[in-house]
Amino acid sequence: MYVENKDGTLDGIEGRIGWVTFSKTGKTVYYRNRTLYKSKQAIRGNFVDEHTGEAYWVSGVKKRGSNAHWAERPGIKVDDDAVEVYSRIRKGELA
């Protein structure tokens, strides 16, 4: 998934592509020791960090590479453990 911190960075990077886990309801996302809850306001992001209140944008990885929120173009890093699968998605090998 593509994860972008709308209020700052994720370990020094504005946006990251990596593995997330969803709760059974899909209203909670777990990523890199963060718990992100579905936002009720959805003004700048669709999730909010449980501890910091920061807004996050979480979306699926796109084959064309335009993963960032349409209104911004942040710096993006692919997590080391997701590089191979992300590369295959970009090449059209995975849907």
PDB file of N, CA and C in Angstrom:
ATOM      1  N   MET A   1       0.845  -1.175   0.000  1.00  0.00           N
ATOM      2  CA  MET A   1       0.000   0.000   0.000  1.00  0.00           C
ATOM      3  C   MET A   1       0.894   1.242   0.000  1.00  0.00           C
ATOM      4  N   TYR A   2       0.326   2.326  -0.454  1.00  0.00           N
ATOM      5  CA  TYR A   2       0.990   3.625  -0.410  1.00  0.00           C
ATOM      6  C   TYR A   2       0.516   4.330   0.854  1.00  0.00           C
ATOM      7  N   VAL A   3       1.449   4.818   1.685  1.00  0.00           N
ATOM      8  CA  VAL A   3       1.118   5.502   2.931  1.00  0.00           C
ATOM      9  C   VAL A   3       1.843   6.839   2.940  1.00  0.00           C
ATOM     10  N   GLU A   4       1.093   7.905   3.120  1.00  0.00           N
ATOM     11  CA  GLU A   4       1.665   9.256   3.124  1.00  0.00           C
ATOM     12  C   GLU A   4       1.228   9.989   4.380  1.00  0.00           C
ATOM     13  N   ASN A   5       2.191  10.581   5.084  1.00  0.00           N
ATOM     14  CA  ASN A   5       1.894  11.394   6.254  1.00  0.00           C
ATOM     15  C   ASN A   5       1.603  12.810   5.765  1.00  0.00           C
ATOM     16  N   LYS A   6       0.385  13.271   5.929  1.00  0.00           N
ATOM     17  CA  LYS A   6      -0.014  14.596   5.456  1.00  0.00           C
ATOM     18  C   LYS A   6       0.506  15.710   6.360  1.00  0.00           C
ATOM     19  N   ASP A   7       0.975  15.355   7.551  1.00  0.00           N
ATOM     20  CA  ASP A   7       1.443  16.351   8.512  1.00  0.00           C
ATOM     21  C   ASP A   7       2.942  16.333   8.743  1.00  0.00           C
ATOM     22  N   GLY A   8       3.665  15.481   8.030  1.00  0.00           N
ATOM     23  CA  GLY A   8       5.103  15.395   8.259  1.00  0.00           C
ATOM     24  C   GLY A   8       5.715  14.279   7.439  1.00  0.00           C
ATOM     25  N   THR A   9       6.522  13.462   8.091  1.00  0.00           N
ATOM     26  CA  THR A   9       7.215  12.393   7.375  1.00  0.00           C
ATOM     27  C   THR A   9       7.015  11.051   8.067  1.00  0.00           C
ATOM     28  N   LEU A  10       7.340  10.001   7.353  1.00  0.00           N
ATOM     29  CA  LEU A  10       7.378   8.638   7.880  1.00  0.00           C
ATOM     30  C   LEU A  10       8.841   8.238   7.919  1.00  0.00           C
ATOM     31  N   ASP A  11       9.459   8.349   9.065  1.00  0.00           N
ATOM     32  CA  ASP A  11      10.877   8.028   9.197  1.00  0.00           C
ATOM     33  C   ASP A  11      11.725   8.798   8.197  1.00  0.00           C
ATOM     34  N   GLY A  12      11.437  10.095   8.041  1.00  0.00           N
ATOM     35  CA  GLY A  12      12.225  10.966   7.182  1.00  0.00           C
ATOM     36  C   GLY A  12      11.771  11.052   5.732  1.00  0.00           C
ATOM     37  N   ILE A  13      10.754  10.294   5.350  1.00  0.00           N
ATOM     38  CA  ILE A  13      10.241  10.285   3.977  1.00  0.00           C
ATOM     39  C   ILE A  13       8.769  10.688   4.007  1.00  0.00           C
ATOM     40  N   GLU A  14       8.324  11.489   3.057  1.00  0.00           N
ATOM     41  CA  GLU A  14       6.934  11.945   3.052  1.00  0.00           C
ATOM     42  C   GLU A  14       5.941  10.833   2.739  1.00  0.00           C
ATOM     43  N   GLY A  15       6.294   9.969   1.795  1.00  0.00           N
ATOM     44  CA  GLY A  15       5.407   8.875   1.414  1.00  0.00           C
ATOM     45  C   GLY A  15       6.191   7.586   1.285  1.00  0.00           C
ATOM     46  N   ARG A  16       5.554   6.466   1.637  1.00  0.00           N
ATOM     47  CA  ARG A  16       6.224   5.172   1.567  1.00  0.00           C
ATOM     48  C   ARG A  16       5.301   4.154   0.919  1.00  0.00           C
ATOM     49  N   ILE A  17       5.914   3.165   0.283  1.00  0.00           N
ATOM     50  CA  ILE A  17       5.167   2.034  -0.241  1.00  0.00           C
ATOM     51  C   ILE A  17       5.645   0.819   0.538  1.00  0.00           C
ATOM     52  N   GLY A  18       4.707   0.137   1.174  1.00  0.00           N
ATOM     53  CA  GLY A  18       5.067  -1.007   1.995  1.00  0.00           C
ATOM     54  C   GLY A  18       3.861  -1.833   2.368  1.00  0.00           C
ATOM     55  N   TRP A  19       4.112  -2.838   3.193  1.00  0.00           N
ATOM     56  CA  TRP A  19       3.064  -3.749   3.633  1.00  0.00           C
ATOM     57  C   TRP A  19       2.303  -3.159   4.806  1.00  0.00           C
ATOM     58  N   VAL A  20       0.986  -3.224   4.752  1.00  0.00           N
ATOM     59  CA  VAL A  20       0.128  -2.817   5.862  1.00  0.00           C
ATOM     60  C   VAL A  20      -0.756  -3.999   6.237  1.00  0.00           C
ATOM     61  N   THR A  21      -1.338  -3.903   7.409  1.00  0.00           N
ATOM     62  CA  THR A  21      -2.323  -4.881   7.861  1.00  0.00           C
ATOM     63  C   THR A  21      -3.589  -4.111   8.186  1.00  0.00           C
ATOM     64  N   PHE A  22      -4.724  -4.647   7.779  1.00  0.00           N
ATOM     65  CA  PHE A  22      -6.013  -4.028   8.075  1.00  0.00           C
ATOM     66  C   PHE A  22      -6.713  -4.794   9.193  1.00  0.00           C
ATOM     67  N   SER A  23      -7.512  -4.083   9.967  1.00  0.00           N
ATOM     68  CA  SER A  23      -8.373  -4.741  10.940  1.00  0.00           C
ATOM     69  C   SER A  23      -9.475  -5.482  10.179  1.00  0.00           C
ATOM     70  N   LYS A  24     -10.233  -6.296  10.866  1.00  0.00           N
ATOM     71  CA  LYS A  24     -11.326  -7.043  10.215  1.00  0.00           C
ATOM     72  C   LYS A  24     -12.340  -6.109   9.564  1.00  0.00           C
ATOM     73  N   THR A  25     -12.586  -4.964  10.168  1.00  0.00           N
ATOM     74  CA  THR A  25     -13.564  -4.025   9.631  1.00  0.00           C
ATOM     75  C   THR A  25     -12.990  -3.141   8.528  1.00  0.00           C
ATOM     76  N   GLY A  26     -11.650  -3.082   8.431  1.00  0.00           N
ATOM     77  CA  GLY A  26     -11.005  -2.213   7.455  1.00  0.00           C
ATOM     78  C   GLY A  26     -10.915  -0.767   7.905  1.00  0.00           C
ATOM     79  N   LYS A  27     -11.341  -0.488   9.114  1.00  0.00           N
ATOM     80  CA  LYS A  27     -11.324   0.881   9.627  1.00  0.00           C
ATOM     81  C   LYS A  27     -10.028   1.235  10.342  1.00  0.00           C
ATOM     82  N   THR A  28      -9.150   0.260  10.506  1.00  0.00           N
ATOM     83  CA  THR A  28      -7.862   0.489  11.151  1.00  0.00           C
ATOM     84  C   THR A  28      -6.769  -0.111  10.283  1.00  0.00           C
ATOM     85  N   VAL A  29      -5.689   0.645  10.096  1.00  0.00           N
ATOM     86  CA  VAL A  29      -4.532   0.190   9.335  1.00  0.00           C
ATOM     87  C   VAL A  29      -3.335   0.172  10.277  1.00  0.00           C
ATOM     88  N   TYR A  30      -2.540  -0.881  10.200  1.00  0.00           N
ATOM     89  CA  TYR A  30      -1.323  -0.992  10.994  1.00  0.00           C
ATOM     90  C   TYR A  30      -0.136  -0.938  10.041  1.00  0.00           C
ATOM     91  N   TYR A  31       0.772   0.012  10.283  1.00  0.00           N
ATOM     92  CA  TYR A  31       1.927   0.180   9.415  1.00  0.00           C
ATOM     93  C   TYR A  31       3.116   0.693  10.215  1.00  0.00           C
ATOM     94  N   ARG A  32       4.228  -0.020  10.167  1.00  0.00           N
ATOM     95  CA  ARG A  32       5.476   0.373  10.815  1.00  0.00           C
ATOM     96  C   ARG A  32       5.255   0.848  12.250  1.00  0.00           C
ATOM     97  N   ASN A  33       4.637   0.024  13.049  1.00  0.00           N
ATOM     98  CA  ASN A  33       4.354   0.302  14.457  1.00  0.00           C
ATOM     99  C   ASN A  33       3.428   1.492  14.668  1.00  0.00           C
ATOM    100  N   ARG A  34       2.620   1.807  13.680  1.00  0.00           N
ATOM    101  CA  ARG A  34       1.622   2.868  13.800  1.00  0.00           C
ATOM    102  C   ARG A  34       0.232   2.255  13.693  1.00  0.00           C
ATOM    103  N   THR A  35      -0.698   2.830  14.432  1.00  0.00           N
ATOM    104  CA  THR A  35      -2.093   2.425  14.331  1.00  0.00           C
ATOM    105  C   THR A  35      -2.851   3.610  13.762  1.00  0.00           C
ATOM    106  N   LEU A  36      -3.414   3.431  12.589  1.00  0.00           N
ATOM    107  CA  LEU A  36      -4.112   4.506  11.890  1.00  0.00           C
ATOM    108  C   LEU A  36      -5.597   4.176  11.827  1.00  0.00           C
ATOM    109  N   TYR A  37      -6.407   5.083  12.349  1.00  0.00           N
ATOM    110  CA  TYR A  37      -7.854   4.894  12.353  1.00  0.00           C
ATOM    111  C   TYR A  37      -8.507   5.653  11.219  1.00  0.00           C
ATOM    112  N   LYS A  38      -9.581   5.109  10.672  1.00  0.00           N
ATOM    113  CA  LYS A  38     -10.340   5.759   9.605  1.00  0.00           C
ATOM    114  C   LYS A  38     -10.765   7.142  10.077  1.00  0.00           C
ATOM    115  N   SER A  39     -10.513   8.147   9.263  1.00  0.00           N
ATOM    116  CA  SER A  39     -10.853   9.527   9.607  1.00  0.00           C
ATOM    117  C   SER A  39     -12.348   9.765   9.410  1.00  0.00           C
ATOM    118  N   LYS A  40     -12.928  10.486  10.339  1.00  0.00           N
ATOM    119  CA  LYS A  40     -14.346  10.842  10.204  1.00  0.00           C
ATOM    120  C   LYS A  40     -14.517  12.115   9.387  1.00  0.00           C
ATOM    121  N   GLN A  41     -13.443  12.941   9.321  1.00  0.00           N
ATOM    122  CA  GLN A  41     -13.522  14.207   8.601  1.00  0.00           C
ATOM    123  C   GLN A  41     -13.007  14.103   7.177  1.00  0.00           C
ATOM    124  N   ALA A  42     -11.973  13.302   6.957  1.00  0.00           N
ATOM    125  CA  ALA A  42     -11.399  13.068   5.623  1.00  0.00           C
ATOM    126  C   ALA A  42     -11.141  14.347   4.836  1.00  0.00           C
ATOM    127  N   ILE A  43     -10.562  15.343   5.481  1.00  0.00           N
ATOM    128  CA  ILE A  43     -10.253  16.590   4.794  1.00  0.00           C
ATOM    129  C   ILE A  43      -8.929  16.483   4.044  1.00  0.00           C
ATOM    130  N   ARG A  44      -7.866  16.050   4.727  1.00  0.00           N
ATOM    131  CA  ARG A  44      -6.553  15.966   4.085  1.00  0.00           C
ATOM    132  C   ARG A  44      -6.051  14.540   3.975  1.00  0.00           C
ATOM    133  N   GLY A  45      -6.631  13.626   4.691  1.00  0.00           N
ATOM    134  CA  GLY A  45      -6.209  12.239   4.651  1.00  0.00           C
ATOM    135  C   GLY A  45      -7.385  11.359   5.007  1.00  0.00           C
ATOM    136  N   ASN A  46      -7.224  10.068   4.783  1.00  0.00           N
ATOM    137  CA  ASN A  46      -8.340   9.190   5.086  1.00  0.00           C
ATOM    138  C   ASN A  46      -8.151   8.396   6.373  1.00  0.00           C
ATOM    139  N   PHE A  47      -6.974   8.550   7.020  1.00  0.00           N
ATOM    140  CA  PHE A  47      -6.705   7.903   8.301  1.00  0.00           C
ATOM    141  C   PHE A  47      -6.012   8.887   9.235  1.00  0.00           C
ATOM    142  N   VAL A  48      -6.109   8.621  10.542  1.00  0.00           N
ATOM    143  CA  VAL A  48      -5.496   9.469  11.568  1.00  0.00           C
ATOM    144  C   VAL A  48      -4.684   8.574  12.502  1.00  0.00           C
ATOM    145  N   ASP A  49      -3.471   9.006  12.851  1.00  0.00           N
ATOM    146  CA  ASP A  49      -2.618   8.255  13.759  1.00  0.00           C
ATOM    147  C   ASP A  49      -3.216   8.274  15.160  1.00  0.00           C
ATOM    148  N   GLU A  50      -3.303   7.100  15.753  1.00  0.00           N
ATOM    149  CA  GLU A  50      -3.888   6.922  17.081  1.00  0.00           C
ATOM    150  C   GLU A  50      -3.184   7.755  18.144  1.00  0.00           C
ATOM    151  N   HIS A  51      -1.863   7.865  18.076  1.00  0.00           N
ATOM    152  CA  HIS A  51      -1.096   8.543  19.123  1.00  0.00           C
ATOM    153  C   HIS A  51      -0.812  10.010  18.836  1.00  0.00           C
ATOM    154  N   THR A  52      -0.560  10.360  17.586  1.00  0.00           N
ATOM    155  CA  THR A  52      -0.156  11.741  17.272  1.00  0.00           C
ATOM    156  C   THR A  52      -1.280  12.603  16.719  1.00  0.00           C
ATOM    157  N   GLY A  53      -2.335  11.983  16.191  1.00  0.00           N
ATOM    158  CA  GLY A  53      -3.418  12.745  15.572  1.00  0.00           C
ATOM    159  C   GLY A  53      -3.088  13.225  14.169  1.00  0.00           C
ATOM    160  N   GLU A  54      -1.920  12.838  13.634  1.00  0.00           N
ATOM    161  CA  GLU A  54      -1.519  13.253  12.293  1.00  0.00           C
ATOM    162  C   GLU A  54      -2.398  12.569  11.236  1.00  0.00           C
ATOM    163  N   ALA A  55      -2.651  13.294  10.154  1.00  0.00           N
ATOM    164  CA  ALA A  55      -3.466  12.767   9.055  1.00  0.00           C
ATOM    165  C   ALA A  55      -2.601  11.949   8.105  1.00  0.00           C
ATOM    166  N   TYR A  56      -3.146  10.832   7.619  1.00  0.00           N
ATOM    167  CA  TYR A  56      -2.452   9.950   6.686  1.00  0.00           C
ATOM    168  C   TYR A  56      -3.344   9.654   5.498  1.00  0.00           C
ATOM    169  N   TRP A  57      -2.708   9.524   4.333  1.00  0.00           N
ATOM    170  CA  TRP A  57      -3.371   9.096   3.108  1.00  0.00           C
ATOM    171  C   TRP A  57      -2.891   7.675   2.847  1.00  0.00           C
ATOM    172  N   VAL A  58      -3.813   6.713   2.758  1.00  0.00           N
ATOM    173  CA  VAL A  58      -3.465   5.320   2.505  1.00  0.00           C
ATOM    174  C   VAL A  58      -4.241   4.879   1.272  1.00  0.00           C
ATOM    175  N   SER A  59      -3.519   4.360   0.277  1.00  0.00           N
ATOM    176  CA  SER A  59      -4.197   3.907  -0.939  1.00  0.00           C
ATOM    177  C   SER A  59      -3.451   2.726  -1.541  1.00  0.00           C
ATOM    178  N   GLY A  60      -4.096   2.071  -2.454  1.00  0.00           N
ATOM    179  CA  GLY A  60      -3.467   0.955  -3.146  1.00  0.00           C
ATOM    180  C   GLY A  60      -2.353   1.434  -4.053  1.00  0.00           C
ATOM    181  N   VAL A  61      -1.444   0.540  -4.356  1.00  0.00           N
ATOM    182  CA  VAL A  61      -0.330   0.847  -5.251  1.00  0.00           C
ATOM    183  C   VAL A  61      -0.842   0.805  -6.686  1.00  0.00           C
ATOM    184  N   LYS A  62      -0.489   1.804  -7.461  1.00  0.00           N
ATOM    185  CA  LYS A  62      -0.966   1.902  -8.840  1.00  0.00           C
ATOM    186  C   LYS A  62       0.124   1.509  -9.830  1.00  0.00           C
ATOM    187  N   LYS A  63      -0.258   0.807 -10.845  1.00  0.00           N
ATOM    188  CA  LYS A  63       0.685   0.345 -11.865  1.00  0.00           C
ATOM    189  C   LYS A  63       1.403   1.515 -12.531  1.00  0.00           C
ATOM    190  N   ARG A  64       0.691   2.601 -12.769  1.00  0.00           N
ATOM    191  CA  ARG A  64       1.295   3.749 -13.464  1.00  0.00           C
ATOM    192  C   ARG A  64       2.216   4.560 -12.558  1.00  0.00           C
ATOM    193  N   GLY A  65       2.253   4.225 -11.251  1.00  0.00           N
ATOM    194  CA  GLY A  65       3.180   4.877 -10.338  1.00  0.00           C
ATOM    195  C   GLY A  65       2.687   6.167  -9.722  1.00  0.00           C
ATOM    196  N   SER A  66       1.469   6.584 -10.012  1.00  0.00           N
ATOM    197  CA  SER A  66       0.939   7.830  -9.451  1.00  0.00           C
ATOM    198  C   SER A  66       0.255   7.538  -8.123  1.00  0.00           C
ATOM    199  N   ASN A  67       1.042   7.135  -7.143  1.00  0.00           N
ATOM    200  CA  ASN A  67       0.496   6.705  -5.866  1.00  0.00           C
ATOM    201  C   ASN A  67       0.133   7.846  -4.935  1.00  0.00           C
ATOM    202  N   ALA A  68       0.802   8.964  -5.040  1.00  0.00           N
ATOM    203  CA  ALA A  68       0.573  10.083  -4.124  1.00  0.00           C
ATOM    204  C   ALA A  68      -0.824  10.658  -4.308  1.00  0.00           C
ATOM    205  N   HIS A  69      -1.292  11.304  -3.266  1.00  0.00           N
ATOM    206  CA  HIS A  69      -2.567  12.016  -3.329  1.00  0.00           C
ATOM    207  C   HIS A  69      -2.518  12.976  -4.508  1.00  0.00           C
ATOM    208  N   TRP A  70      -3.611  13.114  -5.228  1.00  0.00           N
ATOM    209  CA  TRP A  70      -3.641  13.903  -6.461  1.00  0.00           C
ATOM    210  C   TRP A  70      -3.191  15.351  -6.266  1.00  0.00           C
ATOM    211  N   ALA A  71      -3.352  15.895  -5.071  1.00  0.00           N
ATOM    212  CA  ALA A  71      -3.044  17.305  -4.847  1.00  0.00           C
ATOM    213  C   ALA A  71      -1.571  17.568  -4.529  1.00  0.00           C
ATOM    214  N   GLU A  72      -0.780  16.511  -4.295  1.00  0.00           N
ATOM    215  CA  GLU A  72       0.611  16.713  -3.900  1.00  0.00           C
ATOM    216  C   GLU A  72       1.526  15.694  -4.561  1.00  0.00           C
ATOM    217  N   ARG A  73       2.802  15.989  -4.606  1.00  0.00           N
ATOM    218  CA  ARG A  73       3.808  15.094  -5.171  1.00  0.00           C
ATOM    219  C   ARG A  73       4.986  14.970  -4.200  1.00  0.00           C
ATOM    220  N   PRO A  74       4.821  14.200  -3.134  1.00  0.00           N
ATOM    221  CA  PRO A  74       5.899  14.083  -2.147  1.00  0.00           C
ATOM    222  C   PRO A  74       7.001  13.132  -2.587  1.00  0.00           C
ATOM    223  N   GLY A  75       8.126  13.163  -1.856  1.00  0.00           N
ATOM    224  CA  GLY A  75       9.174  12.174  -2.062  1.00  0.00           C
ATOM    225  C   GLY A  75       8.677  10.825  -1.552  1.00  0.00           C
ATOM    226  N   ILE A  76       8.942   9.754  -2.292  1.00  0.00           N
ATOM    227  CA  ILE A  76       8.415   8.435  -1.935  1.00  0.00           C
ATOM    228  C   ILE A  76       9.555   7.425  -1.873  1.00  0.00           C
ATOM    229  N   LYS A  77       9.492   6.517  -0.899  1.00  0.00           N
ATOM    230  CA  LYS A  77      10.446   5.416  -0.773  1.00  0.00           C
ATOM    231  C   LYS A  77       9.672   4.108  -0.670  1.00  0.00           C
ATOM    232  N   VAL A  78      10.165   3.104  -1.361  1.00  0.00           N
ATOM    233  CA  VAL A  78       9.578   1.779  -1.272  1.00  0.00           C
ATOM    234  C   VAL A  78      10.318   1.028  -0.172  1.00  0.00           C
ATOM    235  N   ASP A  79       9.581   0.464   0.780  1.00  0.00           N
ATOM    236  CA  ASP A  79      10.208  -0.314   1.844  1.00  0.00           C
ATOM    237  C   ASP A  79      10.975  -1.483   1.243  1.00  0.00           C
ATOM    238  N   ASP A  80      12.097  -1.818   1.854  1.00  0.00           N
ATOM    239  CA  ASP A  80      12.954  -2.876   1.331  1.00  0.00           C
ATOM    240  C   ASP A  80      12.220  -4.190   1.105  1.00  0.00           C
ATOM    241  N   ASP A  81      11.311  -4.548   2.019  1.00  0.00           N
ATOM    242  CA  ASP A  81      10.618  -5.824   1.894  1.00  0.00           C
ATOM    243  C   ASP A  81       9.471  -5.796   0.877  1.00  0.00           C
ATOM    244  N   ALA A  82       9.229  -4.641   0.256  1.00  0.00           N
ATOM    245  CA  ALA A  82       8.153  -4.528  -0.728  1.00  0.00           C
ATOM    246  C   ALA A  82       8.663  -4.226  -2.135  1.00  0.00           C
ATOM    247  N   VAL A  83       9.957  -4.061  -2.306  1.00  0.00           N
ATOM    248  CA  VAL A  83      10.532  -3.659  -3.593  1.00  0.00           C
ATOM    249  C   VAL A  83      10.190  -4.648  -4.712  1.00  0.00           C
ATOM    250  N   GLU A  84      10.365  -5.920  -4.468  1.00  0.00           N
ATOM    251  CA  GLU A  84      10.145  -6.921  -5.518  1.00  0.00           C
ATOM    252  C   GLU A  84       8.686  -6.937  -5.994  1.00  0.00           C
ATOM    253  N   VAL A  85       7.758  -6.956  -5.072  1.00  0.00           N
ATOM    254  CA  VAL A  85       6.344  -6.990  -5.457  1.00  0.00           C
ATOM    255  C   VAL A  85       5.944  -5.685  -6.137  1.00  0.00           C
ATOM    256  N   TYR A  86       6.421  -4.552  -5.618  1.00  0.00           N
ATOM    257  CA  TYR A  86       6.103  -3.260  -6.238  1.00  0.00           C
ATOM    258  C   TYR A  86       6.632  -3.217  -7.671  1.00  0.00           C
ATOM    259  N   SER A  87       7.832  -3.713  -7.890  1.00  0.00           N
ATOM    260  CA  SER A  87       8.407  -3.753  -9.234  1.00  0.00           C
ATOM    261  C   SER A  87       7.544  -4.595 -10.170  1.00  0.00           C
ATOM    262  N   ARG A  88       7.046  -5.708  -9.673  1.00  0.00           N
ATOM    263  CA  ARG A  88       6.190  -6.573 -10.494  1.00  0.00           C
ATOM    264  C   ARG A  88       4.855  -5.894 -10.812  1.00  0.00           C
ATOM    265  N   ILE A  89       4.321  -5.136  -9.866  1.00  0.00           N
ATOM    266  CA  ILE A  89       3.081  -4.389 -10.121  1.00  0.00           C
ATOM    267  C   ILE A  89       3.310  -3.366 -11.215  1.00  0.00           C
ATOM    268  N   ARG A  90       4.420  -2.613 -11.126  1.00  0.00           N
ATOM    269  CA  ARG A  90       4.724  -1.588 -12.125  1.00  0.00           C
ATOM    270  C   ARG A  90       4.924  -2.183 -13.518  1.00  0.00           C
ATOM    271  N   LYS A  91       5.451  -3.393 -13.574  1.00  0.00           N
ATOM    272  CA  LYS A  91       5.670  -4.065 -14.867  1.00  0.00           C
ATOM    273  C   LYS A  91       4.397  -4.704 -15.404  1.00  0.00           C
ATOM    274  N   GLY A  92       3.327  -4.686 -14.620  1.00  0.00           N
ATOM    275  CA  GLY A  92       2.074  -5.271 -15.066  1.00  0.00           C
ATOM    276  C   GLY A  92       1.976  -6.766 -14.835  1.00  0.00           C
ATOM    277  N   GLU A  93       2.895  -7.315 -14.066  1.00  0.00           N
ATOM    278  CA  GLU A  93       2.886  -8.752 -13.801  1.00  0.00           C
ATOM    279  C   GLU A  93       1.855  -9.134 -12.739  1.00  0.00           C
ATOM    280  N   LEU A  94       1.471  -8.183 -11.899  1.00  0.00           N
ATOM    281  CA  LEU A  94       0.456  -8.409 -10.862  1.00  0.00           C
ATOM    282  C   LEU A  94      -0.646  -7.374 -11.023  1.00  0.00           C
ATOM    283  N   ALA A  95      -1.848  -7.749 -10.704  1.00  0.00           N
ATOM    284  CA  ALA A  95      -2.977  -6.810 -10.826  1.00  0.00           C
ATOM    285  C   ALA A  95      -3.107  -5.964  -9.606  1.00  0.00           C
TER     286      ALA A  95
END
